[in-house]
Protein backbone atom coordinates (compact mmCIF):
# COMPACT_ATOMS: atom_id res chain seq x y z
CA MET A 1 -40.07 -52.69 73.18
CA MET A 2 -36.62 -50.78 72.53
CA ILE A 3 -37.18 -48.16 69.98
CA ALA A 4 -34.19 -48.00 67.57
CA ARG A 5 -31.17 -46.27 68.82
CA GLU A 6 -30.30 -44.32 65.51
CA GLN A 7 -34.32 -42.56 66.67
CA TYR A 8 -33.27 -40.98 69.58
CA VAL A 9 -31.85 -37.13 68.90
CA PRO A 10 -31.17 -35.42 72.49
CA GLY A 11 -32.92 -32.00 73.20
CA PRO A 12 -31.48 -28.44 73.81
CA PRO A 13 -29.30 -27.79 76.86
CA ASN A 14 -31.17 -27.66 80.24
CA ALA A 15 -28.59 -27.40 82.71
CA LYS A 16 -26.95 -24.21 84.93
CA VAL A 17 -23.54 -24.37 86.74
CA GLN A 18 -23.46 -22.69 90.64
CA LYS A 19 -20.04 -21.32 90.82
CA GLU A 20 -18.29 -20.48 93.98
CA GLY A 21 -14.81 -19.91 93.73
CA ASP A 22 -13.28 -22.72 91.94
CA LYS A 23 -15.82 -25.59 93.03
CA TRP A 24 -18.44 -25.62 90.46
CA THR A 25 -21.72 -27.49 90.61
CA LEU A 26 -23.75 -28.61 87.19
CA VAL A 27 -27.60 -28.39 88.18
CA LEU A 28 -29.60 -30.70 85.71
CA VAL A 29 -33.05 -30.18 86.38
CA ARG A 30 -35.98 -32.75 84.58
CA GLU A 31 -39.67 -33.04 84.84
CA MET A 32 -40.59 -36.91 84.33
CA ARG A 33 -43.58 -38.54 83.85
CA HIS A 34 -43.56 -40.63 86.38
CA SER A 35 -44.09 -41.32 89.83
CA PRO A 36 -41.67 -40.24 92.52
CA ASP A 37 -41.71 -43.64 93.81
CA LYS A 38 -41.17 -44.92 90.09
CA VAL A 39 -38.26 -42.27 89.42
CA TRP A 40 -37.28 -43.55 93.20
CA LYS A 41 -36.33 -46.89 92.56
CA ALA A 42 -34.42 -46.18 89.26
CA LEU A 43 -32.21 -44.02 91.15
CA THR A 44 -31.37 -46.73 93.62
CA ASP A 45 -31.67 -50.31 93.04
CA PRO A 46 -28.94 -51.84 90.94
CA SER A 47 -30.57 -53.38 88.20
CA GLN A 48 -32.32 -50.36 86.66
CA LEU A 49 -29.13 -48.31 86.88
CA ARG A 50 -27.10 -51.00 85.02
CA GLU A 51 -29.72 -50.05 82.52
CA TRP A 52 -29.04 -46.14 82.41
CA ALA A 53 -26.30 -44.74 84.33
CA PRO A 54 -22.96 -44.42 83.89
CA PHE A 55 -21.69 -46.58 86.78
CA ASP A 56 -23.15 -49.90 88.17
CA SER A 57 -23.79 -50.26 91.61
CA ASP A 58 -22.80 -53.89 93.57
CA GLY A 59 -25.61 -52.64 96.36
CA ASN A 60 -28.90 -51.22 96.49
CA LEU A 61 -28.58 -46.86 97.15
CA GLY A 62 -31.51 -46.69 98.92
CA LYS A 63 -30.49 -46.72 102.31
CA ALA A 64 -28.77 -43.87 104.46
CA GLY A 65 -25.31 -45.90 105.73
CA ASN A 66 -24.85 -48.58 102.80
CA THR A 67 -21.56 -48.87 101.39
CA VAL A 68 -21.54 -49.75 97.96
CA ASN A 69 -19.18 -50.15 95.01
CA LEU A 70 -19.69 -48.04 92.09
CA THR A 71 -17.78 -48.89 89.00
CA THR A 72 -17.53 -47.10 85.75
CA VAL A 73 -18.75 -48.21 82.68
CA GLY A 74 -17.58 -47.52 79.42
CA ALA A 75 -14.70 -45.74 80.45
CA PRO A 76 -10.99 -46.61 78.78
CA ALA A 77 -10.53 -48.66 81.95
CA GLN A 78 -13.14 -49.84 84.71
CA HIS A 79 -12.58 -47.44 88.02
CA VAL A 80 -14.60 -49.09 91.30
CA THR A 81 -15.14 -46.82 93.84
CA GLU A 82 -16.44 -47.37 97.32
CA SER A 83 -19.30 -45.17 97.89
CA LYS A 84 -20.91 -44.77 101.38
CA VAL A 85 -25.07 -43.08 100.99
CA THR A 86 -25.03 -40.51 103.58
CA ARG A 87 -29.02 -39.15 103.05
CA ALA A 88 -31.48 -41.56 101.59
CA ASP A 89 -34.99 -40.48 102.45
CA ALA A 90 -37.50 -41.78 100.04
CA PRO A 91 -38.32 -40.99 97.35
CA ARG A 92 -37.65 -37.17 98.32
CA LEU A 93 -34.01 -37.12 98.67
CA LEU A 94 -30.34 -38.65 98.04
CA GLU A 95 -27.47 -37.98 98.35
CA TYR A 96 -24.22 -40.41 98.30
CA ASN A 97 -20.75 -39.89 97.00
CA TRP A 98 -18.72 -41.41 93.57
CA GLY A 99 -15.53 -40.89 94.22
CA ASP A 100 -14.70 -36.79 93.74
CA PHE A 101 -18.51 -36.46 93.25
CA ASN A 102 -21.09 -35.71 95.57
CA MET A 103 -24.23 -36.70 93.84
CA ARG A 104 -27.49 -34.95 95.42
CA TRP A 105 -30.67 -36.10 93.96
CA GLN A 106 -33.81 -34.33 94.84
CA LEU A 107 -37.63 -35.35 93.95
CA GLU A 108 -40.90 -33.53 94.06
CA PRO A 109 -43.71 -34.31 93.29
CA LEU A 110 -45.21 -32.57 89.93
CA GLY A 111 -48.92 -33.70 89.07
CA ALA A 112 -48.62 -37.16 88.59
CA GLY A 113 -45.04 -37.17 87.68
CA THR A 114 -41.83 -36.10 89.36
CA ARG A 115 -39.40 -33.25 88.84
CA LEU A 116 -36.04 -34.33 89.13
CA THR A 117 -33.02 -32.24 90.00
CA LEU A 118 -29.29 -33.30 90.14
CA TRP A 119 -26.73 -31.53 91.98
CA THR A 120 -22.93 -33.22 91.56
CA ASN A 121 -19.74 -31.31 91.33
CA ILE A 122 -17.49 -31.45 88.50
CA ASP A 123 -14.38 -29.53 87.25
CA ARG A 124 -14.83 -27.07 85.48
CA ARG A 125 -12.42 -27.99 82.46
CA PHE A 126 -14.57 -31.05 82.36
CA ILE A 127 -18.31 -29.56 83.21
CA SER A 128 -19.65 -29.55 79.57
CA MET A 129 -19.02 -33.36 79.05
CA GLY A 130 -20.24 -34.05 82.13
CA ALA A 131 -23.34 -32.03 81.91
CA ALA A 132 -24.07 -33.68 78.02
CA GLY A 133 -23.21 -37.15 79.80
CA TRP A 134 -25.88 -36.37 82.48
CA HIS A 135 -28.52 -34.86 79.66
CA ILE A 136 -28.07 -38.37 77.72
CA ALA A 137 -28.08 -40.61 80.87
CA LEU A 138 -31.68 -38.62 81.74
CA ASP A 139 -33.28 -38.87 78.65
CA VAL A 140 -31.90 -42.65 78.44
CA LEU A 141 -33.43 -43.17 82.19
CA ASP A 142 -36.66 -41.82 80.96
CA HIS A 143 -37.04 -43.75 77.75
CA LEU A 144 -36.57 -46.75 80.58
CA LEU A 145 -39.29 -45.41 82.71
CA SER A 146 -41.59 -44.99 79.90
CA GLY A 147 -41.39 -48.87 78.38
CA SER A 148 -38.98 -47.50 75.61
CA PRO A 149 -35.53 -48.48 76.36
CA ILE A 150 -33.00 -47.04 74.11
CA GLY A 151 -30.00 -48.58 76.43
CA ARG A 152 -27.17 -46.95 78.01
CA ILE A 153 -25.37 -44.57 76.49
CA VAL A 154 -22.28 -43.81 78.37
CA GLY A 155 -18.46 -43.24 78.25
CA GLY A 156 -16.74 -43.75 75.30
CA GLU A 157 -19.99 -44.81 73.75
CA ALA A 158 -21.60 -41.64 74.50
CA MET A 159 -18.58 -39.78 73.35
CA LYS A 160 -19.08 -40.62 69.92
CA PHE A 161 -22.08 -40.15 69.70
CA ASP A 162 -23.67 -37.01 67.55
CA GLY A 163 -25.95 -35.85 70.56
CA TRP A 164 -23.38 -35.85 72.72
CA GLN A 165 -20.60 -33.69 70.69
CA ARG A 166 -23.83 -31.20 70.20
CA LEU A 167 -24.23 -30.86 73.66
CA ASN A 168 -20.62 -30.46 74.61
CA LYS A 169 -19.88 -27.66 72.38
CA GLU A 170 -23.54 -26.08 73.98
CA TYR A 171 -22.98 -26.44 77.14
CA ALA A 172 -19.21 -25.38 77.11
CA ARG A 173 -20.76 -22.22 75.12
CA GLU A 174 -23.60 -21.31 77.66
CA PHE A 175 -21.09 -22.40 80.87
CA GLY A 176 -18.58 -19.70 79.03
CA VAL A 177 -15.62 -22.65 79.24
CA GLU A 178 -14.06 -24.27 76.82
CA ALA A 179 -15.24 -27.69 75.50
CA PRO A 180 -12.79 -30.35 75.92
CA ARG A 181 -11.39 -32.16 72.38
CA TRP A 182 -11.28 -36.13 72.44
């Protein structure tokens, strides 16, 4: 059952930034009502990634040493990046690179659900955009796992979305950066 996308409104900002000189890392923490195994599958299985992530994968991300091609979705030009899974400790820790981005996902049992934490490095000039994009992607993931998918909202489509515009401005204010204008 797909709910109308028009009914979806992202919640308030819930990310932070770790700063080490010029290196900035976006940290998003999300409490999900789903088991770590279910969330792990959504993070690693190409058919599920296709439903929520800002990229498609031509292979499973769930095995350390796997090399996959990750293809951006919704960008003006598709960009394919060969990515290597550096850690895959199911269903607790997943690390891989996506171009210049180092992606680290940690899953911790939380009652019957999961505390999901994402760390990713993003150029400070674009960190509010990245925070808004990943915020929405994780909302879409939660809806998908709950059985009420709203469909992937990424790239240019996300940037036209009022909720993304609001989050981009709010994250920029929270992180002390200027919101990029598009």
